[in-house]
Amino acid sequence: MWEDAAGQSLFEYDNGIGFPINLVYDDRQERVQGMVEAEQAIDRMKADLERLKTAAREAKEQFDLEQSEYEAALQNLNAQVSDYNRRIEEWNRQPSMPDEVAAQYRHEKQGLVDEKARLDLAVERLDRHGHNVNNLVEQANGAAARYNKEVDRFNAAYGRPVLQRIGVCRSIDDVPQAIDVFAFTSKEHLAVILAHELGHALGLKHVSGNGSIMSAVEEGAKDAESLRLTDKDVSELRRAVAERKWAQ
């Protein structure tokens, strides 16, 4: 990456001598590792919370729809019963009711009884669905409380920035000797740290601002998220190349 930007060879490769890169495990990596694991746990809790919230919302929407349908059916049944009773009362004031009319009324009454039985079953289903909605809401509320508690715990443990060196290029008389890495969050992050320290090996100094390979992360700057040089990196590379003996 550095050589591509410089347009010339900057490193001498020697399979015999090599160049030590030491991964040093101490409290810095322990803290980073704990932070990563805590973030992953929070992400899982958030996913579970969203799943429960979605399930509760969908169950509530279904419950509201069924309840609306039940209320409409009940209102319609009550209207039919009222009309049926009114007509029966009119016939009761008559001397008699023809057999065929009586048969029609018995059939109609049975239909009303069947509809009432169907609505009674619907009430039981609504009651079960209502309990299910309440259960899901309680689960979602519990998950939200646990999630918020874990977020508070994470912020208390890791919310305050801890400025510390996570990598160093050790040199003697400006001759690079080795790179020590104390903490990284992923392979990609490790690659960025190594690119940063190899920049120091070439004589590059820190640059101001966020997102550059050579950002001064110990001073609170945001480090690069990918192996991509910024204009500040390239400018610092050109300065370093111009000062070195091997500059061409």
Protein backbone atom coordinates (compact mmCIF):
# COMPACT_ATOMS: atom_id res chain seq x y z
CA MET A 1 0.00 0.00 0.00
CA TRP A 2 2.74 2.46 0.96
CA GLU A 3 4.91 1.47 -2.00
CA ASP A 4 2.02 1.84 -4.43
CA ALA A 5 1.39 5.37 -3.13
CA ALA A 6 5.10 6.26 -3.31
CA GLY A 7 5.59 4.70 -6.73
CA GLN A 8 8.85 3.03 -5.62
CA SER A 9 10.23 0.30 -3.38
CA LEU A 10 10.36 1.31 0.26
CA PHE A 11 11.02 -1.99 2.01
CA GLU A 12 13.80 -4.51 1.71
CA TYR A 13 12.59 -8.07 2.01
CA ASP A 14 14.89 -10.60 3.64
CA ASN A 15 13.45 -14.04 4.39
CA GLY A 16 16.44 -14.83 6.58
CA ILE A 17 16.38 -11.82 8.86
CA GLY A 18 12.67 -11.12 8.91
CA PHE A 19 10.98 -8.36 10.88
CA PRO A 20 9.40 -9.28 14.23
CA ILE A 21 5.75 -8.46 14.79
CA ASN A 22 4.82 -9.27 18.37
CA LEU A 23 1.25 -9.67 19.59
CA VAL A 24 1.46 -8.69 23.25
CA TYR A 25 -1.49 -9.69 25.43
CA ASP A 26 -2.06 -7.41 28.40
CA ASP A 27 -4.83 -5.42 30.05
CA ARG A 28 -5.33 -3.42 26.84
CA GLN A 29 -6.31 -6.46 24.78
CA GLU A 30 -8.30 -7.79 27.72
CA ARG A 31 -10.28 -4.55 27.80
CA VAL A 32 -10.80 -4.52 24.02
CA GLN A 33 -11.81 -8.18 24.04
CA GLY A 34 -14.27 -7.55 26.85
CA MET A 35 -15.70 -4.57 24.98
CA VAL A 36 -16.15 -6.57 21.77
CA GLU A 37 -17.84 -9.43 23.60
CA ALA A 38 -20.10 -6.97 25.43
CA GLU A 39 -21.04 -5.29 22.13
CA GLN A 40 -21.86 -8.66 20.60
CA ALA A 41 -24.03 -9.55 23.60
CA ILE A 42 -25.86 -6.22 23.31
CA ASP A 43 -26.39 -6.80 19.58
CA ARG A 44 -27.93 -10.20 20.32
CA MET A 45 -30.15 -8.71 23.02
CA LYS A 46 -31.24 -5.96 20.64
CA ALA A 47 -32.11 -8.53 17.95
CA ASP A 48 -34.17 -10.52 20.48
CA LEU A 49 -35.88 -7.33 21.62
CA GLU A 50 -36.78 -6.33 18.05
CA ARG A 51 -38.12 -9.84 17.40
CA LEU A 52 -40.34 -9.69 20.48
CA LYS A 53 -41.53 -6.18 19.68
CA THR A 54 -42.43 -7.27 16.15
CA ALA A 55 -44.25 -10.36 17.44
CA ALA A 56 -46.16 -8.28 20.00
CA ARG A 57 -47.11 -5.66 17.43
CA GLU A 58 -48.29 -8.23 14.89
CA ALA A 59 -50.25 -10.14 17.56
CA LYS A 60 -51.89 -6.88 18.72
CA GLU A 61 -52.80 -5.96 15.14
CA GLN A 62 -54.35 -9.41 14.61
CA PHE A 63 -56.19 -9.17 17.94
CA ASP A 64 -57.59 -5.73 17.06
CA LEU A 65 -58.77 -7.04 13.68
CA GLU A 66 -60.50 -10.08 15.21
CA GLN A 67 -62.05 -7.94 17.94
CA SER A 68 -63.38 -5.49 15.35
CA GLU A 69 -64.86 -8.34 13.33
CA TYR A 70 -66.41 -9.83 16.49
CA GLU A 71 -67.97 -6.52 17.53
CA ALA A 72 -69.42 -6.01 14.04
CA ALA A 73 -70.83 -9.57 14.01
CA LEU A 74 -72.26 -9.14 17.53
CA GLN A 75 -73.91 -5.87 16.55
CA ASN A 76 -75.39 -7.53 13.49
CA LEU A 77 -76.63 -10.49 15.56
CA ASN A 78 -78.25 -8.18 18.12
CA ALA A 79 -80.03 -6.34 15.30
CA GLN A 80 -81.27 -9.65 13.85
CA VAL A 81 -82.47 -10.84 17.27
CA SER A 82 -84.32 -7.56 17.85
CA ASP A 83 -85.97 -7.81 14.46
CA TYR A 84 -86.84 -11.48 15.08
CA ASN A 85 -88.42 -10.69 18.47
CA ARG A 86 -90.40 -7.79 17.02
CA ARG A 87 -91.85 -9.99 14.30
CA ILE A 88 -92.63 -12.77 16.78
CA GLU A 89 -94.49 -10.28 18.98
CA GLU A 90 -96.55 -9.19 15.99
CA TRP A 91 -97.48 -12.81 15.27
CA ASN A 92 -98.30 -13.38 18.92
CA ARG A 93 -101.00 -10.75 18.61
CA GLN A 94 -102.55 -12.77 15.80
CA PRO A 95 -105.04 -15.59 16.47
CA SER A 96 -102.64 -18.16 15.02
CA MET A 97 -99.47 -18.64 13.02
CA PRO A 98 -99.49 -20.77 9.87
CA ASP A 99 -97.40 -23.94 10.17
CA GLU A 100 -95.13 -22.97 7.29
CA VAL A 101 -94.46 -19.58 8.90
CA ALA A 102 -93.78 -21.23 12.26
CA ALA A 103 -91.32 -23.59 10.55
CA GLN A 104 -89.53 -20.62 8.96
CA TYR A 105 -89.28 -18.91 12.36
CA ARG A 106 -87.93 -22.06 14.01
CA HIS A 107 -85.31 -22.29 11.26
CA GLU A 108 -84.44 -18.62 11.67
CA LYS A 109 -84.21 -18.99 15.45
CA GLN A 110 -81.84 -21.94 15.10
CA GLY A 111 -79.66 -19.83 12.81
CA LEU A 112 -79.54 -17.10 15.46
CA VAL A 113 -78.67 -19.67 18.15
CA ASP A 114 -75.88 -21.08 15.97
CA GLU A 115 -74.50 -17.60 15.33
CA LYS A 116 -74.57 -16.88 19.07
CA ALA A 117 -72.62 -20.10 19.71
CA ARG A 118 -70.09 -19.12 17.04
CA LEU A 119 -69.60 -15.71 18.63
CA ASP A 120 -69.20 -17.32 22.07
CA LEU A 121 -66.34 -19.36 20.65
CA ALA A 122 -64.94 -16.19 19.11
CA VAL A 123 -64.96 -14.57 22.55
CA GLU A 124 -62.94 -17.48 23.92
CA ARG A 125 -60.44 -17.14 21.07
CA LEU A 126 -60.22 -13.40 21.67
CA ASP A 127 -59.55 -14.04 25.34
CA ARG A 128 -56.71 -16.44 24.48
CA HIS A 129 -55.31 -14.05 21.91
CA GLY A 130 -55.53 -11.20 24.41
CA HIS A 131 -53.54 -13.21 26.94
CA ASN A 132 -50.98 -13.99 24.24
CA VAL A 133 -50.66 -10.30 23.35
CA ASN A 134 -50.19 -9.37 27.00
CA ASN A 135 -47.61 -12.12 27.41
CA LEU A 136 -45.66 -10.92 24.38
CA VAL A 137 -45.81 -7.32 25.59
CA GLU A 138 -44.53 -8.39 29.01
CA GLN A 139 -41.71 -10.35 27.37
CA ALA A 140 -40.82 -7.35 25.18
CA ASN A 141 -40.87 -5.01 28.19
CA GLY A 142 -38.66 -7.42 30.13
CA ALA A 143 -36.25 -7.70 27.21
CA ALA A 144 -36.18 -3.90 26.88
CA ALA A 145 -35.38 -3.53 30.59
CA ARG A 146 -32.56 -6.08 30.34
CA TYR A 147 -31.24 -4.44 27.16
CA ASN A 148 -31.23 -0.97 28.73
CA LYS A 149 -29.54 -2.33 31.86
CA GLU A 150 -26.84 -3.97 29.74
CA VAL A 151 -26.35 -0.77 27.71
CA ASP A 152 -25.96 1.21 30.95
CA ARG A 153 -23.47 -1.36 32.21
CA PHE A 154 -21.55 -1.17 28.91
CA ASN A 155 -21.47 2.63 29.00
CA ALA A 156 -20.25 2.57 32.58
CA ALA A 157 -17.45 0.15 31.69
CA TYR A 158 -16.50 1.32 28.20
CA GLY A 159 -18.33 4.57 27.50
CA ARG A 160 -15.50 6.78 28.69
CA PRO A 161 -12.68 6.78 26.13
CA VAL A 162 -9.45 5.29 27.42
CA LEU A 163 -6.58 6.76 25.44
CA GLN A 164 -3.80 4.22 25.29
CA ARG A 165 -1.24 3.00 22.82
CA ILE A 166 -2.29 -0.17 21.05
CA GLY A 167 0.72 -0.48 18.76
CA VAL A 168 4.31 0.70 18.55
CA CYS A 169 7.19 0.48 16.12
CA ARG A 170 10.34 0.09 18.21
CA SER A 171 13.47 1.66 16.70
CA ILE A 172 17.12 2.13 17.67
CA ASP A 173 18.84 5.16 16.11
CA ASP A 174 15.93 5.50 13.67
CA VAL A 175 16.40 1.90 12.55
CA PRO A 176 13.14 -0.07 12.99
CA GLN A 177 13.60 -3.16 15.13
CA ALA A 178 10.13 -4.63 15.62
CA ILE A 179 6.44 -3.88 15.85
CA ASP A 180 4.47 -4.61 19.02
CA VAL A 181 0.67 -4.80 18.89
CA PHE A 182 -1.17 -4.64 22.20
CA ALA A 183 -4.83 -4.64 21.22
CA PHE A 184 -7.06 -5.09 18.17
CA THR A 185 -10.72 -5.87 17.60
CA SER A 186 -10.59 -7.86 14.35
CA LYS A 187 -8.29 -9.00 11.54
CA GLU A 188 -9.18 -5.86 9.62
CA HIS A 189 -8.31 -3.68 12.60
CA LEU A 190 -5.03 -5.54 13.06
CA ALA A 191 -4.15 -4.87 9.42
CA VAL A 192 -4.80 -1.13 9.93
CA ILE A 193 -2.59 -1.10 13.05
CA LEU A 194 0.22 -2.86 11.18
CA ALA A 195 -0.08 -0.44 8.25
CA HIS A 196 0.12 2.43 10.74
CA GLU A 197 3.23 1.06 12.46
CA LEU A 198 4.90 0.24 9.13
CA GLY A 199 4.28 3.88 8.26
CA HIS A 200 6.28 4.81 11.35
CA ALA A 201 8.98 2.37 10.21
CA LEU A 202 9.22 4.42 7.02
CA GLY A 203 9.59 7.61 9.02
CA LEU A 204 6.01 8.86 8.81
CA LYS A 205 4.67 10.91 11.71
CA HIS A 206 1.13 11.21 12.96
CA VAL A 207 -1.37 13.30 11.01
CA SER A 208 -4.27 15.27 12.48
CA GLY A 209 -7.87 14.35 11.93
CA ASN A 210 -9.92 11.16 11.78
CA GLY A 211 -9.90 8.21 9.42
CA SER A 212 -6.31 8.38 8.18
CA ILE A 213 -3.95 5.43 8.51
CA MET A 214 -1.55 7.71 10.35
CA SER A 215 -4.17 9.34 12.63
CA ALA A 216 -2.90 9.93 16.14
CA VAL A 217 -5.34 7.57 17.82
CA GLU A 218 -3.57 7.92 21.17
CA GLU A 219 -4.74 11.55 21.16
CA GLY A 220 -8.37 10.56 20.63
CA ALA A 221 -8.61 10.62 16.83
CA LYS A 222 -10.71 8.00 15.10
CA ASP A 223 -8.52 5.48 13.35
CA ALA A 224 -9.01 4.24 9.81
CA GLU A 225 -11.64 1.56 9.23
CA SER A 226 -10.05 0.15 6.08
CA LEU A 227 -6.70 -0.01 4.32
CA ARG A 228 -7.20 3.17 2.34
CA LEU A 229 -4.80 6.10 2.36
CA THR A 230 -6.15 9.60 2.72
CA ASP A 231 -4.64 12.74 1.19
CA LYS A 232 -3.04 13.48 4.58
CA ASP A 233 -1.41 10.03 4.59
CA VAL A 234 -0.04 10.53 1.09
CA SER A 235 1.28 14.02 1.92
CA GLU A 236 3.05 12.69 5.01
CA LEU A 237 4.45 9.78 2.97
CA ARG A 238 5.91 12.18 0.40
CA ARG A 239 7.50 14.26 3.18
CA ALA A 240 9.05 11.15 4.76
CA VAL A 241 10.29 9.79 1.43
CA ALA A 242 11.93 13.11 0.58
CA GLU A 243 13.87 13.07 3.88
CA ARG A 244 15.11 9.49 3.71
CA LYS A 245 18.42 8.46 2.17
CA TRP A 246 16.69 6.04 -0.17
CA ALA A 247 14.48 8.75 -1.67
CA GLN A 248 14.65 8.79 -5.45
